[in-house]
Amino acid sequence: MIMKKLTILIAVFFSALIVKAQDFNKQLADARTAYAAGKLDDSRFAMQQMLQDLDMITGKEILKVLPAKMQDQNVNTANDNVTGASGFVGVIIHRDYGAQDKNVSLEVISNSPLIAGINTLLSLPLIGNTGDNKVIRINGYKALVQKTTGDNNRTDYEIQLPMNTTMITLKAPGYTQDQVIAMANTLPIAQIAKLVQ
């Protein structure tokens, strides 16, 4: 019985890969045909569709490697979401943990427009470590912890960690700075970095 279920699961997985490969090959063929016909805008559109499909697949792979628990909060897989964004942003991967009163939120955004600003703060420690900001390291990567004012004037913390053109943001209202940093250290940053390269 288990072997039959495993065989069916493997068959479904490979069927999905074949369908995606066919979509990719069709979009590639469409891009080449449009390019050969001098329709550069159509060719660009087909290539953008290919890249967005790749970003969506990458986003789903990232969700698979994220932890099932943050601090004392379990994952809400029903809220998992991978969304292709318009404009310059590639894909937004969202996962949250816990109940509404203590909800931990994690977002991974490819081609994030915030990268330049955060990298500036991280490269200038005198600016990054002032006021409500603190530069830290998460699994070897520089990150910025920001103190914010939440509901009822509560002090909350969020971490922003840039990797190339991808931004990871962890928000954990109701937790201390040390707890939020500990949560960020449970993220498989090396695996995420490999997936977004």
N, C-alpha and C. Protein backbone atom coordinates (compact mmCIF):
# COMPACT_ATOMS: atom_id res chain seq x y z
N MET A 1 0.82 -1.19 0.00
CA MET A 1 0.00 0.00 0.00
C MET A 1 0.87 1.27 0.00
N ILE A 2 1.91 1.27 0.86
CA ILE A 2 2.82 2.42 0.92
C ILE A 2 3.57 2.56 -0.39
N MET A 3 4.00 1.45 -0.95
CA MET A 3 4.74 1.49 -2.22
C MET A 3 3.87 2.06 -3.33
N LYS A 4 2.59 1.71 -3.33
CA LYS A 4 1.67 2.20 -4.35
C LYS A 4 1.51 3.72 -4.22
N LYS A 5 1.35 4.20 -2.98
CA LYS A 5 1.22 5.64 -2.76
C LYS A 5 2.49 6.37 -3.17
N LEU A 6 3.62 5.80 -2.83
CA LEU A 6 4.89 6.40 -3.20
C LEU A 6 5.05 6.48 -4.72
N THR A 7 4.67 5.42 -5.41
CA THR A 7 4.75 5.39 -6.87
C THR A 7 3.84 6.45 -7.48
N ILE A 8 2.64 6.59 -6.93
CA ILE A 8 1.70 7.60 -7.44
C ILE A 8 2.25 9.00 -7.19
N LEU A 9 2.81 9.23 -6.00
CA LEU A 9 3.38 10.52 -5.67
C LEU A 9 4.53 10.88 -6.61
N ILE A 10 5.40 9.95 -6.87
CA ILE A 10 6.53 10.18 -7.79
C ILE A 10 6.01 10.47 -9.20
N ALA A 11 5.01 9.73 -9.63
CA ALA A 11 4.44 9.94 -10.97
C ALA A 11 3.84 11.33 -11.09
N VAL A 12 3.11 11.79 -10.07
CA VAL A 12 2.51 13.12 -10.08
C VAL A 12 3.61 14.19 -10.12
N PHE A 13 4.66 14.01 -9.32
CA PHE A 13 5.76 14.97 -9.28
C PHE A 13 6.41 15.11 -10.66
N PHE A 14 6.74 13.97 -11.29
CA PHE A 14 7.39 14.03 -12.59
C PHE A 14 6.46 14.54 -13.68
N SER A 15 5.17 14.26 -13.55
CA SER A 15 4.20 14.81 -14.52
C SER A 15 4.19 16.32 -14.45
N ALA A 16 4.22 16.86 -13.20
CA ALA A 16 4.24 18.32 -13.04
C ALA A 16 5.50 18.91 -13.63
N LEU A 17 6.64 18.25 -13.44
CA LEU A 17 7.89 18.74 -14.02
C LEU A 17 7.84 18.73 -15.54
N ILE A 18 7.26 17.68 -16.11
CA ILE A 18 7.16 17.58 -17.57
C ILE A 18 6.27 18.69 -18.12
N VAL A 19 5.14 18.95 -17.43
CA VAL A 19 4.24 20.02 -17.87
C VAL A 19 4.96 21.36 -17.82
N LYS A 20 5.69 21.64 -16.72
CA LYS A 20 6.44 22.89 -16.61
C LYS A 20 7.52 22.98 -17.69
N ALA A 21 8.20 21.86 -17.96
CA ALA A 21 9.23 21.85 -18.99
C ALA A 21 8.62 22.13 -20.36
N GLN A 22 7.42 21.58 -20.59
CA GLN A 22 6.75 21.84 -21.86
C GLN A 22 6.37 23.30 -21.97
N ASP A 23 5.86 23.91 -20.86
CA ASP A 23 5.54 25.33 -20.87
C ASP A 23 6.79 26.16 -21.15
N PHE A 24 7.88 25.81 -20.48
CA PHE A 24 9.14 26.52 -20.66
C PHE A 24 9.60 26.41 -22.11
N ASN A 25 9.57 25.19 -22.66
CA ASN A 25 9.99 24.98 -24.05
C ASN A 25 9.09 25.73 -25.02
N LYS A 26 7.78 25.78 -24.75
CA LYS A 26 6.85 26.51 -25.61
C LYS A 26 7.16 28.01 -25.58
N GLN A 27 7.39 28.54 -24.36
CA GLN A 27 7.71 29.96 -24.24
C GLN A 27 9.05 30.29 -24.92
N LEU A 28 10.00 29.39 -24.81
CA LEU A 28 11.29 29.58 -25.47
C LEU A 28 11.10 29.59 -26.99
N ALA A 29 10.31 28.66 -27.49
CA ALA A 29 10.05 28.60 -28.93
C ALA A 29 9.31 29.86 -29.38
N ASP A 30 8.34 30.32 -28.59
CA ASP A 30 7.60 31.55 -28.91
C ASP A 30 8.55 32.75 -28.96
N ALA A 31 9.49 32.81 -27.99
CA ALA A 31 10.44 33.92 -27.95
C ALA A 31 11.34 33.90 -29.19
N ARG A 32 11.81 32.71 -29.58
CA ARG A 32 12.67 32.61 -30.77
C ARG A 32 11.91 32.97 -32.04
N THR A 33 10.68 32.48 -32.15
CA THR A 33 9.86 32.77 -33.33
C THR A 33 9.60 34.27 -33.45
N ALA A 34 9.22 34.91 -32.32
CA ALA A 34 8.95 36.34 -32.33
C ALA A 34 10.22 37.13 -32.66
N TYR A 35 11.35 36.69 -32.11
CA TYR A 35 12.62 37.36 -32.38
C TYR A 35 12.98 37.26 -33.86
N ALA A 36 12.83 36.07 -34.43
CA ALA A 36 13.15 35.85 -35.85
C ALA A 36 12.25 36.69 -36.75
N ALA A 37 11.01 36.93 -36.29
CA ALA A 37 10.07 37.74 -37.08
C ALA A 37 10.25 39.23 -36.84
N GLY A 38 11.20 39.59 -35.99
CA GLY A 38 11.44 41.01 -35.72
C GLY A 38 10.48 41.60 -34.70
N LYS A 39 9.72 40.75 -34.04
CA LYS A 39 8.75 41.23 -33.03
C LYS A 39 9.44 41.17 -31.66
N LEU A 40 10.28 42.14 -31.42
CA LEU A 40 11.10 42.14 -30.22
C LEU A 40 10.28 42.24 -28.94
N ASP A 41 9.20 43.01 -28.98
CA ASP A 41 8.37 43.15 -27.78
C ASP A 41 7.71 41.82 -27.42
N ASP A 42 7.23 41.08 -28.44
CA ASP A 42 6.63 39.76 -28.19
C ASP A 42 7.69 38.78 -27.68
N SER A 43 8.88 38.88 -28.22
CA SER A 43 9.98 38.01 -27.78
C SER A 43 10.33 38.31 -26.33
N ARG A 44 10.41 39.58 -25.99
CA ARG A 44 10.71 39.98 -24.61
C ARG A 44 9.61 39.48 -23.66
N PHE A 45 8.36 39.59 -24.06
CA PHE A 45 7.25 39.15 -23.22
C PHE A 45 7.33 37.64 -22.96
N ALA A 46 7.63 36.86 -23.98
CA ALA A 46 7.74 35.40 -23.81
C ALA A 46 8.89 35.05 -22.87
N MET A 47 10.00 35.78 -22.98
CA MET A 47 11.13 35.52 -22.09
C MET A 47 10.80 35.93 -20.65
N GLN A 48 10.07 37.02 -20.49
CA GLN A 48 9.66 37.43 -19.15
C GLN A 48 8.75 36.38 -18.51
N GLN A 49 7.86 35.79 -19.31
CA GLN A 49 6.99 34.73 -18.81
C GLN A 49 7.81 33.52 -18.35
N MET A 50 8.85 33.18 -19.13
CA MET A 50 9.74 32.06 -18.75
C MET A 50 10.40 32.35 -17.41
N LEU A 51 10.93 33.55 -17.27
CA LEU A 51 11.62 33.91 -16.04
C LEU A 51 10.67 33.94 -14.84
N GLN A 52 9.45 34.42 -15.07
CA GLN A 52 8.48 34.44 -13.98
C GLN A 52 8.10 33.01 -13.55
N ASP A 53 7.96 32.11 -14.53
CA ASP A 53 7.67 30.71 -14.20
C ASP A 53 8.81 30.11 -13.38
N LEU A 54 10.06 30.41 -13.76
CA LEU A 54 11.21 29.92 -13.00
C LEU A 54 11.21 30.48 -11.58
N ASP A 55 10.87 31.77 -11.44
CA ASP A 55 10.79 32.38 -10.11
C ASP A 55 9.72 31.71 -9.25
N MET A 56 8.58 31.37 -9.86
CA MET A 56 7.50 30.72 -9.11
C MET A 56 7.93 29.33 -8.65
N ILE A 57 8.61 28.60 -9.50
CA ILE A 57 9.11 27.27 -9.13
C ILE A 57 10.13 27.39 -8.00
N THR A 58 11.03 28.37 -8.11
CA THR A 58 12.02 28.61 -7.06
C THR A 58 11.33 28.96 -5.75
N GLY A 59 10.31 29.79 -5.81
CA GLY A 59 9.56 30.17 -4.61
C GLY A 59 8.96 28.98 -3.90
N LYS A 60 8.41 28.06 -4.66
CA LYS A 60 7.82 26.85 -4.06
C LYS A 60 8.90 25.96 -3.44
N GLU A 61 10.07 25.95 -4.05
CA GLU A 61 11.18 25.17 -3.49
C GLU A 61 11.67 25.81 -2.18
N ILE A 62 11.68 27.13 -2.12
CA ILE A 62 12.09 27.82 -0.90
C ILE A 62 11.12 27.50 0.24
N LEU A 63 9.83 27.47 -0.04
CA LEU A 63 8.85 27.14 1.00
C LEU A 63 9.13 25.76 1.60
N LYS A 64 9.62 24.84 0.77
CA LYS A 64 9.88 23.48 1.24
C LYS A 64 11.02 23.42 2.25
N VAL A 65 11.98 24.36 2.18
CA VAL A 65 13.14 24.29 3.07
C VAL A 65 12.97 25.15 4.33
N LEU A 66 11.91 25.93 4.40
CA LEU A 66 11.71 26.79 5.58
C LEU A 66 11.31 25.95 6.79
N PRO A 67 11.67 26.42 8.00
CA PRO A 67 11.35 25.65 9.20
C PRO A 67 9.85 25.52 9.44
N ALA A 68 9.46 24.43 10.09
CA ALA A 68 8.05 24.17 10.41
C ALA A 68 7.62 24.90 11.67
N LYS A 69 8.58 25.48 12.38
CA LYS A 69 8.27 26.15 13.63
C LYS A 69 9.19 27.35 13.82
N MET A 70 8.65 28.42 14.37
CA MET A 70 9.44 29.59 14.75
C MET A 70 9.17 29.83 16.23
N GLN A 71 10.24 29.73 17.03
CA GLN A 71 10.12 29.88 18.47
C GLN A 71 9.05 28.91 18.97
N ASP A 72 7.93 29.40 19.46
CA ASP A 72 6.87 28.53 19.98
C ASP A 72 5.67 28.48 19.05
N GLN A 73 5.84 28.95 17.81
CA GLN A 73 4.71 29.05 16.87
C GLN A 73 4.88 28.07 15.71
N ASN A 74 3.78 27.35 15.41
CA ASN A 74 3.78 26.40 14.29
C ASN A 74 3.46 27.11 12.99
N VAL A 75 3.89 26.53 11.89
CA VAL A 75 3.66 27.09 10.56
C VAL A 75 2.17 27.03 10.20
N ASN A 76 1.72 28.05 9.48
CA ASN A 76 0.36 28.08 8.92
C ASN A 76 0.48 27.84 7.42
N THR A 77 0.62 26.57 7.01
CA THR A 77 0.85 26.28 5.59
C THR A 77 -0.30 26.73 4.71
N ALA A 78 -1.49 26.86 5.28
CA ALA A 78 -2.64 27.33 4.48
C ALA A 78 -2.42 28.76 4.00
N ASN A 79 -1.56 29.51 4.70
CA ASN A 79 -1.28 30.89 4.31
C ASN A 79 -0.04 31.03 3.42
N ASP A 80 0.66 29.91 3.15
CA ASP A 80 1.82 29.96 2.25
C ASP A 80 1.40 30.53 0.91
N ASN A 81 2.25 31.38 0.36
CA ASN A 81 1.89 32.00 -0.91
C ASN A 81 3.15 32.35 -1.70
N VAL A 82 3.12 32.08 -2.98
CA VAL A 82 4.17 32.49 -3.90
C VAL A 82 3.47 33.30 -4.98
N THR A 83 3.83 34.57 -5.06
CA THR A 83 3.15 35.48 -5.97
C THR A 83 4.14 36.12 -6.91
N GLY A 84 3.84 36.07 -8.19
CA GLY A 84 4.66 36.80 -9.16
C GLY A 84 4.23 38.24 -9.13
N ALA A 85 5.18 39.13 -8.99
CA ALA A 85 4.87 40.55 -8.90
C ALA A 85 5.11 41.23 -10.23
N SER A 86 4.52 42.39 -10.38
CA SER A 86 4.71 43.13 -11.63
C SER A 86 5.85 44.12 -11.46
N GLY A 87 6.29 44.66 -12.54
CA GLY A 87 7.37 45.65 -12.48
C GLY A 87 8.72 45.01 -12.29
N PHE A 88 9.52 45.59 -11.41
CA PHE A 88 10.89 45.14 -11.22
C PHE A 88 11.01 44.03 -10.18
N VAL A 89 9.99 43.84 -9.35
CA VAL A 89 10.04 42.80 -8.32
C VAL A 89 9.74 41.46 -8.97
N GLY A 90 10.55 40.44 -8.66
CA GLY A 90 10.38 39.13 -9.29
C GLY A 90 9.24 38.33 -8.69
N VAL A 91 9.44 37.82 -7.46
CA VAL A 91 8.44 36.97 -6.83
C VAL A 91 8.45 37.24 -5.33
N ILE A 92 7.28 37.14 -4.72
CA ILE A 92 7.15 37.32 -3.28
C ILE A 92 6.72 36.00 -2.67
N ILE A 93 7.53 35.49 -1.75
CA ILE A 93 7.26 34.23 -1.08
C ILE A 93 6.86 34.58 0.35
N HIS A 94 5.68 34.14 0.76
CA HIS A 94 5.17 34.49 2.10
C HIS A 94 4.88 33.23 2.91
N ARG A 95 5.30 33.27 4.16
CA ARG A 95 4.95 32.21 5.12
C ARG A 95 4.74 32.89 6.47
N ASP A 96 3.75 32.39 7.23
CA ASP A 96 3.61 32.90 8.59
C ASP A 96 3.42 31.75 9.57
N TYR A 97 3.63 32.10 10.82
CA TYR A 97 3.62 31.14 11.92
C TYR A 97 2.77 31.70 13.05
N GLY A 98 2.02 30.82 13.73
CA GLY A 98 1.34 31.18 14.96
C GLY A 98 -0.02 31.80 14.77
N ALA A 99 -0.56 32.26 15.90
CA ALA A 99 -1.89 32.86 15.95
C ALA A 99 -1.81 34.35 15.67
N GLN A 100 -2.98 34.96 15.55
CA GLN A 100 -3.04 36.36 15.17
C GLN A 100 -2.39 37.28 16.21
N ASP A 101 -2.49 36.94 17.50
CA ASP A 101 -1.93 37.82 18.53
C ASP A 101 -0.40 37.78 18.58
N LYS A 102 0.21 36.68 18.14
CA LYS A 102 1.67 36.56 18.11
C LYS A 102 2.07 35.92 16.78
N ASN A 103 1.81 36.62 15.71
CA ASN A 103 2.04 36.08 14.38
C ASN A 103 3.43 36.45 13.89
N VAL A 104 4.21 35.43 13.52
CA VAL A 104 5.54 35.64 12.94
C VAL A 104 5.39 35.58 11.43
N SER A 105 5.88 36.58 10.74
CA SER A 105 5.72 36.68 9.29
C SER A 105 7.09 36.66 8.61
N LEU A 106 7.21 35.87 7.54
CA LEU A 106 8.45 35.75 6.79
C LEU A 106 8.16 35.98 5.32
N GLU A 107 8.92 36.88 4.71
CA GLU A 107 8.80 37.12 3.27
C GLU A 107 10.17 37.09 2.63
N VAL A 108 10.22 36.46 1.47
CA VAL A 108 11.41 36.43 0.65
C VAL A 108 11.01 37.08 -0.68
N ILE A 109 11.67 38.17 -1.02
CA ILE A 109 11.31 38.92 -2.23
C ILE A 109 12.51 38.96 -3.16
N SER A 110 12.35 38.37 -4.35
CA SER A 110 13.44 38.44 -5.33
C SER A 110 13.36 39.77 -6.07
N ASN A 111 14.50 40.26 -6.50
CA ASN A 111 14.61 41.56 -7.17
C ASN A 111 13.96 42.66 -6.35
N SER A 112 14.21 42.66 -5.04
CA SER A 112 13.61 43.63 -4.13
C SER A 112 14.15 45.03 -4.37
N PRO A 113 13.26 46.03 -4.41
CA PRO A 113 13.73 47.41 -4.57
C PRO A 113 14.39 47.95 -3.30
N LEU A 114 14.27 47.25 -2.18
CA LEU A 114 14.84 47.71 -0.91
C LEU A 114 16.32 47.37 -0.75
N ILE A 115 16.85 46.52 -1.63
CA ILE A 115 18.22 46.02 -1.49
C ILE A 115 19.24 47.15 -1.37
N ALA A 116 19.19 48.12 -2.24
CA ALA A 116 20.20 49.19 -2.24
C ALA A 116 20.21 49.95 -0.91
N GLY A 117 19.05 50.29 -0.39
CA GLY A 117 18.97 51.04 0.86
C GLY A 117 19.50 50.24 2.04
N ILE A 118 19.12 48.98 2.14
CA ILE A 118 19.57 48.13 3.24
C ILE A 118 21.07 47.88 3.14
N ASN A 119 21.56 47.61 1.92
CA ASN A 119 23.01 47.40 1.74
C ASN A 119 23.81 48.63 2.14
N THR A 120 23.27 49.81 1.89
CA THR A 120 23.95 51.04 2.30
C THR A 120 24.07 51.11 3.82
N LEU A 121 22.97 50.80 4.52
CA LEU A 121 23.01 50.80 5.99
C LEU A 121 23.98 49.75 6.52
N LEU A 122 24.02 48.58 5.87
CA LEU A 122 24.89 47.50 6.33
C LEU A 122 26.37 47.80 6.08
N SER A 123 26.66 48.55 5.02
CA SER A 123 28.06 48.83 4.68
C SER A 123 28.62 50.01 5.48
N LEU A 124 27.77 50.77 6.12
CA LEU A 124 28.20 51.91 6.93
C LEU A 124 27.76 51.68 8.37
N PRO A 125 28.54 50.92 9.14
CA PRO A 125 28.12 50.54 10.49
C PRO A 125 27.78 51.71 11.40
N LEU A 126 28.45 52.87 11.21
CA LEU A 126 28.14 54.02 12.05
C LEU A 126 26.71 54.50 11.85
N ILE A 127 26.19 54.30 10.64
CA ILE A 127 24.81 54.67 10.36
C ILE A 127 23.88 53.50 10.71
N GLY A 128 24.28 52.29 10.34
CA GLY A 128 23.45 51.11 10.56
C GLY A 128 23.21 50.80 12.02
N ASN A 129 24.18 51.14 12.89
CA ASN A 129 24.05 50.83 14.32
C ASN A 129 23.62 52.05 15.14
N THR A 130 22.75 52.85 14.60
CA THR A 130 22.28 54.02 15.33
C THR A 130 20.79 53.95 15.55
N GLY A 131 20.35 54.59 16.61
CA GLY A 131 18.92 54.71 16.88
C GLY A 131 18.24 53.37 17.02
N ASP A 132 17.32 53.12 16.12
CA ASP A 132 16.50 51.91 16.18
C ASP A 132 17.05 50.78 15.32
N ASN A 133 18.25 50.92 14.81
CA ASN A 133 18.85 49.91 13.92
C ASN A 133 20.05 49.24 14.58
N LYS A 134 20.27 47.99 14.20
CA LYS A 134 21.46 47.27 14.67
C LYS A 134 21.89 46.30 13.58
N VAL A 135 23.17 46.33 13.22
CA VAL A 135 23.71 45.41 12.22
C VAL A 135 24.16 44.14 12.94
N ILE A 136 23.70 42.99 12.44
CA ILE A 136 24.04 41.69 13.02
C ILE A 136 24.45 40.74 11.90
N ARG A 137 24.83 39.52 12.26
CA ARG A 137 25.11 38.47 11.28
C ARG A 137 24.15 37.32 11.53
N ILE A 138 23.55 36.82 10.45
CA ILE A 138 22.68 35.65 10.48
C ILE A 138 23.31 34.62 9.55
N ASN A 139 23.79 33.53 10.11
CA ASN A 139 24.42 32.47 9.32
C ASN A 139 25.46 33.01 8.34
N GLY A 140 26.26 33.97 8.79
CA GLY A 140 27.34 34.51 7.96
C GLY A 140 26.95 35.70 7.10
N TYR A 141 25.67 36.03 7.03
CA TYR A 141 25.21 37.16 6.22
C TYR A 141 24.89 38.35 7.11
N LYS A 142 25.27 39.55 6.66
CA LYS A 142 24.90 40.75 7.39
C LYS A 142 23.40 40.97 7.27
N ALA A 143 22.80 41.39 8.39
CA ALA A 143 21.37 41.69 8.41
C ALA A 143 21.15 42.92 9.28
N LEU A 144 19.99 43.53 9.12
CA LEU A 144 19.64 44.71 9.88
C LEU A 144 18.44 44.40 10.76
N VAL A 145 18.59 44.63 12.08
CA VAL A 145 17.47 44.51 13.01
C VAL A 145 16.94 45.92 13.22
N GLN A 146 15.64 46.09 13.01
CA GLN A 146 15.03 47.40 13.20
C GLN A 146 13.99 47.33 14.31
N LYS A 147 14.05 48.30 15.20
CA LYS A 147 13.06 48.41 16.26
C LYS A 147 11.92 49.27 15.74
N THR A 148 10.70 48.80 15.91
CA THR A 148 9.53 49.55 15.48
C THR A 148 8.55 49.67 16.64
N THR A 149 7.62 50.56 16.52
CA THR A 149 6.57 50.69 17.53
C THR A 149 5.33 50.01 16.99
N GLY A 150 4.87 48.99 17.71
CA GLY A 150 3.71 48.23 17.30
C GLY A 150 2.44 48.69 17.98
N ASP A 151 1.46 47.81 18.04
CA ASP A 151 0.18 48.11 18.69
C ASP A 151 0.40 48.48 20.15
N ASN A 152 -0.41 49.41 20.65
CA ASN A 152 -0.34 49.84 22.06
C ASN A 152 1.07 50.30 22.45
N ASN A 153 1.76 50.94 21.52
CA ASN A 153 3.12 51.44 21.75
C ASN A 153 4.10 50.36 22.19
N ARG A 154 3.85 49.13 21.76
CA ARG A 154 4.73 48.00 22.07
C ARG A 154 5.95 48.07 21.16
N THR A 155 7.10 47.71 21.69
CA THR A 155 8.32 47.67 20.88
C THR A 155 8.37 46.33 20.14
N ASP A 156 8.46 46.39 18.84
CA ASP A 156 8.56 45.19 18.01
C ASP A 156 9.87 45.25 17.22
N TYR A 157 10.25 44.09 16.66
CA TYR A 157 11.50 44.00 15.91
C TYR A 157 11.26 43.30 14.58
N GLU A 158 12.02 43.72 13.59
CA GLU A 158 12.01 43.04 12.30
C GLU A 158 13.45 42.96 11.80
N ILE A 159 13.70 41.89 11.05
CA ILE A 159 15.03 41.67 10.50
C ILE A 159 14.95 41.69 8.98
N GLN A 160 15.87 42.41 8.36
CA GLN A 160 15.98 42.42 6.90
C GLN A 160 17.37 41.93 6.54
N LEU A 161 17.39 40.89 5.72
CA LEU A 161 18.65 40.26 5.31
C LEU A 161 18.71 40.23 3.79
N PRO A 162 19.62 41.02 3.18
CA PRO A 162 19.75 40.99 1.72
C PRO A 162 20.75 39.92 1.26
N MET A 163 20.40 39.25 0.15
CA MET A 163 21.30 38.29 -0.50
C MET A 163 21.25 38.58 -2.00
N ASN A 164 22.33 39.12 -2.52
CA ASN A 164 22.36 39.52 -3.93
C ASN A 164 21.16 40.42 -4.21
N THR A 165 20.17 39.96 -4.98
CA THR A 165 19.01 40.79 -5.29
C THR A 165 17.76 40.34 -4.54
N THR A 166 17.94 39.47 -3.55
CA THR A 166 16.80 38.93 -2.80
C THR A 166 16.82 39.47 -1.38
N MET A 167 15.64 39.84 -0.88
CA MET A 167 15.50 40.36 0.48
C MET A 167 14.67 39.39 1.31
N ILE A 168 15.18 39.02 2.48
CA ILE A 168 14.43 38.21 3.44
C ILE A 168 14.02 39.13 4.58
N THR A 169 12.73 39.17 4.88
CA THR A 169 12.22 40.00 5.96
C THR A 169 11.47 39.13 6.95
N LEU A 170 11.86 39.21 8.22
CA LEU A 170 11.22 38.47 9.30
C LEU A 170 10.64 39.47 10.28
N LYS A 171 9.32 39.40 10.49
CA LYS A 171 8.66 40.28 11.45
C LYS A 171 8.06 39.39 12.54
N ALA A 172 8.31 39.78 13.80
CA ALA A 172 7.82 38.98 14.93
C ALA A 172 7.33 39.90 16.04
N PRO A 173 6.12 40.47 15.88
CA PRO A 173 5.59 41.34 16.92
C PRO A 173 5.38 40.58 18.23
N GLY A 174 5.72 41.25 19.33
CA GLY A 174 5.51 40.65 20.64
C GLY A 174 6.68 39.85 21.16
N TYR A 175 7.77 39.76 20.38
CA TYR A 175 8.95 39.02 20.81
C TYR A 175 10.08 39.99 21.10
N THR A 176 11.04 39.57 21.90
CA THR A 176 12.21 40.41 22.20
C THR A 176 13.17 40.38 21.00
N GLN A 177 14.11 41.30 21.03
CA GLN A 177 15.11 41.35 19.97
C GLN A 177 15.89 40.04 19.90
N ASP A 178 16.31 39.52 21.05
CA ASP A 178 17.06 38.27 21.08
C ASP A 178 16.25 37.10 20.53
N GLN A 179 14.95 37.06 20.83
CA GLN A 179 14.10 35.99 20.30
C GLN A 179 13.97 36.08 18.78
N VAL A 180 13.84 37.30 18.26
CA VAL A 180 13.71 37.49 16.81
C VAL A 180 15.01 37.08 16.11
N ILE A 181 16.15 37.43 16.70
CA ILE A 181 17.43 37.03 16.13
C ILE A 181 17.58 35.51 16.17
N ALA A 182 17.16 34.88 17.26
CA ALA A 182 17.21 33.41 17.36
C ALA A 182 16.33 32.77 16.28
N MET A 183 15.15 33.36 16.02
CA MET A 183 14.28 32.84 14.95
C MET A 183 14.97 32.94 13.60
N ALA A 184 15.58 34.08 13.33
CA ALA A 184 16.26 34.28 12.04
C ALA A 184 17.40 33.28 11.86
N ASN A 185 18.05 32.92 12.95
CA ASN A 185 19.15 31.95 12.87
C ASN A 185 18.68 30.54 12.58
N THR A 186 17.37 30.28 12.65
CA THR A 186 16.85 28.95 12.29
C THR A 186 16.57 28.84 10.79
N LEU A 187 16.65 29.96 10.08
CA LEU A 187 16.38 29.95 8.64
C LEU A 187 17.54 29.30 7.89
N PRO A 188 17.24 28.46 6.90
CA PRO A 188 18.31 27.81 6.12
C PRO A 188 18.84 28.76 5.04
N ILE A 189 19.57 29.77 5.49
CA ILE A 189 20.04 30.83 4.59
C ILE A 189 20.89 30.28 3.45
N ALA A 190 21.77 29.33 3.73
CA ALA A 190 22.64 28.78 2.68
C ALA A 190 21.80 28.09 1.60
N GLN A 191 20.77 27.35 2.00
CA GLN A 191 19.91 26.70 1.02
C GLN A 191 19.11 27.71 0.21
N ILE A 192 18.60 28.74 0.88
CA ILE A 192 17.85 29.78 0.17
C ILE A 192 18.78 30.48 -0.82
N ALA A 193 20.00 30.78 -0.39
CA ALA A 193 20.97 31.45 -1.27
C ALA A 193 21.23 30.63 -2.53
N LYS A 194 21.36 29.30 -2.39
CA LYS A 194 21.58 28.44 -3.57
C LYS A 194 20.38 28.48 -4.50
N LEU A 195 19.19 28.51 -3.94
CA LEU A 195 17.97 28.49 -4.76
C LEU A 195 17.77 29.81 -5.52
N VAL A 196 18.17 30.92 -4.92
CA VAL A 196 17.91 32.21 -5.57
C VAL A 196 19.06 32.69 -6.46
N GLN A 197 20.19 31.94 -6.53
CA GLN A 197 21.31 32.35 -7.37
C GLN A 197 20.92 32.33 -8.83
